[in-house]
Amino acid sequence: MDLPDVTRAIAAATSIAASLDLQADDATVLHNSNKLAVRLTPCDVFARIAPVGQEVARFEVELAQRLADVGSPVAGLESRVEPLVYTRDGFAVTLWTYYEPTTPGLSPPDYADALARLHDGMRKVDLPSPRFTDRIAAAQEIVGNPHLSPGLADTDRGFLSSRLESLRRTIDDRAPEEQLLHGEPHPGNLLSTKNGPLFIDFETCCRGPVELDLAHVPEAVCDHYPNIDQDLLAVCRELVLAMVAAWRWDIGDQFPNGGRFGVEFINALREGPPWPTLDAMAKRVP
């Protein structure tokens, strides 16, 4: 979000908190891209804020509740208020428990165990969700429409479009077992807390092979996750690179330094395997 929207979004969140008898005299921005993550104090609430219509907050709230009910390692909703999506001034706001970070970060075995437990819980949750191919289709729409990705060169546009379609067919042809996935369980969406590792941000959930989730995590984590199809994991890592490249070229994308990332992800795809993980890609862009 740009600065004027950030100011309005924080005002909406603090106003909602006050109306719920949560004292919010101050707000600290924890993350800002297409959505805003804010810590409200002194009530100590974690607020997620997005423009109305550009979020799937109701799905995320319901899923988080159901996963918590089956003992999955997920961040909890704020217990002092109703678990709802609150709207004000064009923003949708959800209120979550704030967890003080602990150090050091998670070890690869602990990360893998948390993800395996999350996947186990997701197999117990019956909630309609999109298939991973819907996410590919959204990426293809961005790449295929110059109005949505005006900065993307024609040669790169054709390259990305072809790669996305080819990878979709490859995974479908393999017909792997599918289940509900987090969608983006990268380190930025896993908190290290005194309550153990907890996943956040479930709005990208979809159905697909677990290897698609594993394609978002550091390579060392995969070494500790049971029964991985390594060939499928490689295909999924390539697919993740292609989809992230598409997101970064979206005209509406507000990811910090997104343009540089867009270039580097296309370069990585052109360089060929072995496919780098997302944490490795982050090191390529200063």
Protein backbone atom coordinates (compact mmCIF):
# COMPACT_ATOMS: atom_id res chain seq x y z
CA MET A 1 0.00 0.00 0.00
CA ASP A 2 1.15 3.53 -0.62
CA LEU A 3 1.46 5.97 2.27
CA PRO A 4 -2.02 7.56 2.06
CA ASP A 5 -3.63 4.09 2.02
CA VAL A 6 -1.42 2.93 4.87
CA THR A 7 -2.57 5.90 6.95
CA ARG A 8 -6.22 5.18 6.17
CA ALA A 9 -5.80 1.44 6.79
CA ILE A 10 -4.24 2.00 10.20
CA ALA A 11 -6.96 4.47 11.10
CA ALA A 12 -9.60 1.90 10.13
CA ALA A 13 -7.94 -0.83 12.22
CA THR A 14 -7.48 1.35 15.29
CA SER A 15 -11.06 2.61 15.02
CA ILE A 16 -12.38 -0.95 14.82
CA ALA A 17 -10.24 -1.98 17.79
CA ALA A 18 -11.54 0.93 19.86
CA SER A 19 -15.13 0.05 19.00
CA LEU A 20 -14.42 -3.44 20.40
CA ASP A 21 -12.96 -2.06 23.64
CA LEU A 22 -9.39 -2.87 22.59
CA GLN A 23 -7.12 0.06 23.38
CA ALA A 24 -5.05 0.88 20.31
CA ASP A 25 -3.13 4.08 20.90
CA ASP A 26 -0.27 3.10 18.62
CA ALA A 27 0.31 0.95 15.52
CA THR A 28 3.54 -0.54 14.24
CA VAL A 29 3.68 -1.68 10.61
CA LEU A 30 5.17 -5.18 10.48
CA HIS A 31 4.74 -5.81 6.76
CA ASN A 32 3.44 -3.79 3.84
CA SER A 33 2.75 -5.08 0.35
CA ASN A 34 -0.69 -5.64 -1.17
CA LYS A 35 -1.88 -6.21 2.41
CA LEU A 36 -0.85 -4.50 5.61
CA ALA A 37 0.18 -6.26 8.82
CA VAL A 38 0.12 -4.08 11.92
CA ARG A 39 0.71 -4.56 15.64
CA LEU A 40 -1.75 -2.55 17.70
CA THR A 41 -0.70 -1.54 21.19
CA PRO A 42 -1.23 -1.51 24.13
CA CYS A 43 -3.96 -4.08 23.41
CA ASP A 44 -1.27 -6.17 21.65
CA VAL A 45 -3.32 -7.31 18.66
CA PHE A 46 -2.04 -8.36 15.25
CA ALA A 47 -4.23 -6.78 12.56
CA ARG A 48 -4.33 -7.84 8.90
CA ILE A 49 -5.75 -5.17 6.64
CA ALA A 50 -6.65 -5.27 2.94
CA PRO A 51 -8.91 -3.27 0.64
CA VAL A 52 -12.43 -4.71 0.59
CA GLY A 53 -12.78 -6.99 -2.42
CA GLN A 54 -9.06 -7.74 -2.62
CA GLU A 55 -8.98 -10.30 0.18
CA VAL A 56 -10.40 -13.69 1.11
CA ALA A 57 -10.53 -12.87 4.79
CA ARG A 58 -13.72 -14.78 5.63
CA PHE A 59 -12.25 -17.98 4.20
CA GLU A 60 -9.03 -17.39 6.12
CA VAL A 61 -10.85 -16.83 9.42
CA GLU A 62 -12.99 -19.95 9.04
CA LEU A 63 -10.04 -22.09 8.03
CA ALA A 64 -7.89 -20.86 10.92
CA GLN A 65 -10.67 -21.74 13.35
CA ARG A 66 -11.12 -25.23 11.94
CA LEU A 67 -7.40 -25.93 11.90
CA ALA A 68 -7.07 -24.77 15.51
CA ASP A 69 -9.91 -27.14 16.44
CA VAL A 70 -7.93 -30.13 15.13
CA GLY A 71 -4.72 -29.05 16.86
CA SER A 72 -2.83 -27.71 13.84
CA PRO A 73 0.12 -25.33 14.41
CA VAL A 74 -1.64 -22.12 13.38
CA ALA A 75 -1.75 -18.61 14.79
CA GLY A 76 -4.93 -17.92 16.71
CA LEU A 77 -7.54 -15.28 16.21
CA GLU A 78 -7.83 -12.56 18.87
CA SER A 79 -9.82 -14.23 21.65
CA ARG A 80 -11.30 -11.04 23.16
CA VAL A 81 -13.55 -10.33 20.18
CA GLU A 82 -15.80 -12.22 17.81
CA PRO A 83 -13.89 -14.05 15.04
CA LEU A 84 -15.23 -11.87 12.24
CA VAL A 85 -14.06 -9.81 9.29
CA TYR A 86 -14.54 -6.17 10.28
CA THR A 87 -14.92 -3.51 7.60
CA ARG A 88 -14.43 0.23 7.77
CA ASP A 89 -13.58 2.96 5.25
CA GLY A 90 -13.15 0.45 2.42
CA PHE A 91 -10.85 -1.90 4.34
CA ALA A 92 -11.38 -5.45 5.59
CA VAL A 93 -9.68 -6.08 8.93
CA THR A 94 -9.11 -9.34 10.80
CA LEU A 95 -7.75 -9.42 14.34
CA TRP A 96 -5.26 -12.06 15.49
CA THR A 97 -3.17 -12.96 18.51
CA TYR A 98 0.17 -11.19 18.54
CA TYR A 99 3.10 -13.49 19.30
CA GLU A 100 6.44 -12.16 20.48
CA PRO A 101 9.12 -13.64 18.22
CA THR A 102 11.68 -15.95 19.76
CA THR A 103 15.27 -16.54 18.74
CA PRO A 104 16.97 -18.35 17.20
CA GLY A 105 14.81 -19.26 14.21
CA LEU A 106 13.40 -22.69 13.58
CA SER A 107 15.68 -25.57 12.75
CA PRO A 108 14.93 -27.45 9.50
CA PRO A 109 13.63 -30.52 11.42
CA ASP A 110 11.24 -28.37 13.47
CA TYR A 111 10.08 -26.52 10.34
CA ALA A 112 9.44 -29.83 8.54
CA ASP A 113 7.59 -31.26 11.54
CA ALA A 114 5.36 -28.18 11.78
CA LEU A 115 4.52 -28.37 8.07
CA ALA A 116 3.80 -32.09 8.27
CA ARG A 117 1.45 -31.46 11.24
CA LEU A 118 -0.24 -28.65 9.32
CA HIS A 119 -0.79 -30.94 6.34
CA ASP A 120 -2.16 -33.64 8.62
CA GLY A 121 -4.65 -31.16 10.08
CA MET A 122 -5.61 -29.95 6.62
CA ARG A 123 -6.53 -33.48 5.63
CA LYS A 124 -9.12 -33.39 8.42
CA VAL A 125 -10.73 -30.12 7.31
CA ASP A 126 -13.55 -30.18 4.79
CA LEU A 127 -13.73 -26.69 3.35
CA PRO A 128 -14.32 -25.78 -0.31
CA SER A 129 -11.14 -24.30 -1.76
CA PRO A 130 -9.67 -23.60 -5.19
CA ARG A 131 -7.35 -26.04 -6.94
CA PHE A 132 -3.72 -25.09 -7.56
CA THR A 133 -4.52 -24.79 -11.27
CA ASP A 134 -6.67 -21.74 -10.44
CA ARG A 135 -3.54 -20.00 -9.16
CA ILE A 136 -1.72 -20.91 -12.36
CA ALA A 137 -4.61 -19.52 -14.40
CA ALA A 138 -4.42 -16.24 -12.45
CA ALA A 139 -0.69 -16.02 -13.20
CA GLN A 140 -1.35 -16.79 -16.88
CA GLU A 141 -3.90 -13.99 -17.03
CA ILE A 142 -1.35 -11.49 -15.73
CA VAL A 143 1.32 -12.68 -18.15
CA GLY A 144 -1.02 -12.88 -21.12
CA ASN A 145 -2.53 -9.41 -20.74
CA PRO A 146 -0.17 -6.49 -21.49
CA HIS A 147 -2.54 -4.16 -19.64
CA LEU A 148 -1.97 -6.18 -16.45
CA SER A 149 1.80 -6.52 -16.95
CA PRO A 150 2.91 -3.56 -19.10
CA GLY A 151 6.55 -3.78 -18.03
CA LEU A 152 6.99 -7.37 -19.18
CA ALA A 153 8.96 -7.70 -22.44
CA ASP A 154 7.25 -9.62 -25.24
CA THR A 155 9.93 -12.32 -25.31
CA ASP A 156 9.61 -12.85 -21.56
CA ARG A 157 5.82 -12.79 -21.85
CA GLY A 158 5.84 -15.64 -24.35
CA PHE A 159 8.45 -17.54 -22.35
CA LEU A 160 6.53 -17.28 -19.05
CA SER A 161 3.18 -18.08 -20.62
CA SER A 162 4.53 -21.20 -22.28
CA ARG A 163 6.32 -22.34 -19.13
CA LEU A 164 3.24 -21.93 -16.93
CA GLU A 165 1.08 -23.96 -19.31
CA SER A 166 3.69 -26.67 -19.73
CA LEU A 167 4.18 -27.07 -15.99
CA ARG A 168 0.43 -27.24 -15.38
CA ARG A 169 0.13 -30.06 -17.91
CA THR A 170 3.14 -31.87 -16.46
CA ILE A 171 1.68 -31.95 -12.96
CA ASP A 172 -1.81 -32.89 -14.17
CA ASP A 173 -0.38 -35.71 -16.28
CA ARG A 174 1.36 -37.14 -13.22
CA ALA A 175 -2.01 -37.19 -11.40
CA PRO A 176 -0.49 -36.89 -7.89
CA GLU A 177 -2.54 -37.25 -4.73
CA GLU A 178 -3.98 -33.88 -3.74
CA GLN A 179 -5.10 -32.32 -0.47
CA LEU A 180 -5.67 -28.90 1.07
CA LEU A 181 -2.42 -26.90 1.14
CA HIS A 182 -1.25 -23.72 2.81
CA GLY A 183 -0.29 -22.33 -0.60
CA GLU A 184 2.72 -20.28 0.51
CA PRO A 185 4.32 -21.82 3.65
CA HIS A 186 7.58 -19.93 3.17
CA PRO A 187 9.56 -18.70 6.22
CA GLY A 188 7.76 -15.37 6.20
CA ASN A 189 4.52 -17.18 6.98
CA LEU A 190 5.86 -19.26 9.87
CA LEU A 191 6.26 -17.68 13.28
CA SER A 192 8.72 -18.95 15.86
CA THR A 193 6.95 -18.41 19.21
CA LYS A 194 7.13 -19.61 22.78
CA ASN A 195 4.12 -21.77 21.85
CA GLY A 196 6.13 -23.41 19.09
CA PRO A 197 6.08 -22.79 15.33
CA LEU A 198 2.79 -21.34 14.06
CA PHE A 199 1.68 -20.75 10.48
CA ILE A 200 -0.08 -17.56 9.39
CA ASP A 201 -1.64 -16.16 6.17
CA PHE A 202 -4.05 -18.76 4.78
CA GLU A 203 -5.64 -16.76 2.00
CA THR A 204 -3.60 -18.59 -0.65
CA CYS A 205 -4.86 -22.05 0.39
CA CYS A 206 -5.62 -24.41 -2.47
CA ARG A 207 -5.81 -28.10 -3.24
CA GLY A 208 -2.79 -29.79 -4.78
CA PRO A 209 0.14 -32.11 -4.09
CA VAL A 210 2.10 -31.50 -0.87
CA GLU A 211 5.20 -31.02 -3.00
CA LEU A 212 3.75 -27.68 -4.10
CA ASP A 213 3.87 -26.44 -0.51
CA LEU A 214 7.35 -27.90 -0.09
CA ALA A 215 8.51 -25.95 -3.13
CA HIS A 216 8.13 -22.78 -1.01
CA VAL A 217 10.43 -23.83 1.85
CA PRO A 218 14.23 -23.95 2.22
CA GLU A 219 15.89 -27.01 0.76
CA ALA A 220 17.14 -28.22 4.16
CA VAL A 221 13.52 -28.44 5.38
CA CYS A 222 12.64 -30.85 2.60
CA ASP A 223 15.39 -33.19 3.80
CA HIS A 224 13.32 -33.81 6.94
CA TYR A 225 9.83 -34.09 5.42
CA PRO A 226 8.67 -37.69 4.92
CA ASN A 227 7.88 -39.41 1.62
CA ILE A 228 8.59 -36.62 -0.87
CA ASP A 229 8.35 -37.29 -4.59
CA GLN A 230 11.63 -35.63 -5.57
CA ASP A 231 10.83 -35.44 -9.28
CA LEU A 232 7.50 -33.79 -8.58
CA LEU A 233 9.17 -31.44 -6.08
CA ALA A 234 11.52 -30.25 -8.82
CA VAL A 235 8.58 -29.56 -11.16
CA CYS A 236 6.77 -27.68 -8.38
CA ARG A 237 9.85 -25.55 -7.61
CA GLU A 238 9.98 -24.53 -11.24
CA LEU A 239 6.26 -23.75 -11.18
CA VAL A 240 6.65 -21.59 -8.06
CA LEU A 241 9.41 -19.61 -9.74
CA ALA A 242 7.16 -19.02 -12.76
CA MET A 243 4.14 -18.00 -10.68
CA VAL A 244 6.13 -15.65 -8.47
CA ALA A 245 7.66 -14.09 -11.58
CA ALA A 246 4.12 -13.43 -12.83
CA TRP A 247 3.04 -11.83 -9.52
CA ARG A 248 6.03 -9.49 -9.58
CA TRP A 249 5.14 -8.21 -13.07
CA ASP A 250 1.52 -7.49 -12.10
CA ILE A 251 0.90 -3.75 -12.45
CA GLY A 252 -0.90 -3.76 -9.11
CA ASP A 253 1.84 -5.63 -7.24
CA GLN A 254 3.25 -3.70 -4.27
CA PHE A 255 5.90 -6.16 -3.14
CA PRO A 256 9.03 -4.23 -2.09
CA ASN A 257 11.59 -4.17 -4.92
CA GLY A 258 9.18 -6.28 -6.97
CA GLY A 259 10.60 -5.25 -10.34
CA ARG A 260 14.07 -6.56 -9.50
CA PHE A 261 12.58 -9.80 -8.26
CA GLY A 262 10.59 -10.16 -11.48
CA VAL A 263 13.77 -9.93 -13.54
CA GLU A 264 15.71 -12.34 -11.33
CA PHE A 265 12.98 -14.97 -11.32
CA ILE A 266 12.82 -15.00 -15.11
CA ASN A 267 16.62 -15.23 -15.23
CA ALA A 268 16.51 -18.23 -12.88
CA LEU A 269 13.96 -19.96 -15.09
CA ARG A 270 16.09 -19.37 -18.19
CA GLU A 271 19.19 -20.69 -16.41
CA GLY A 272 17.53 -24.07 -15.91
CA PRO A 273 17.77 -26.69 -13.14
CA PRO A 274 18.56 -27.28 -10.39
CA TRP A 275 15.77 -24.87 -9.48
CA PRO A 276 16.62 -22.46 -6.64
CA THR A 277 14.37 -22.22 -3.60
CA LEU A 278 12.64 -18.98 -2.65
CA ASP A 279 15.08 -18.25 0.17
CA ALA A 280 17.96 -18.65 -2.28
CA MET A 281 16.24 -16.28 -4.69
CA ALA A 282 15.83 -13.65 -1.97
CA LYS A 283 19.61 -13.55 -1.61
CA ARG A 284 19.99 -12.70 -5.30
CA VAL A 285 18.20 -9.37 -4.91
CA PRO A 286 19.93 -6.87 -2.55
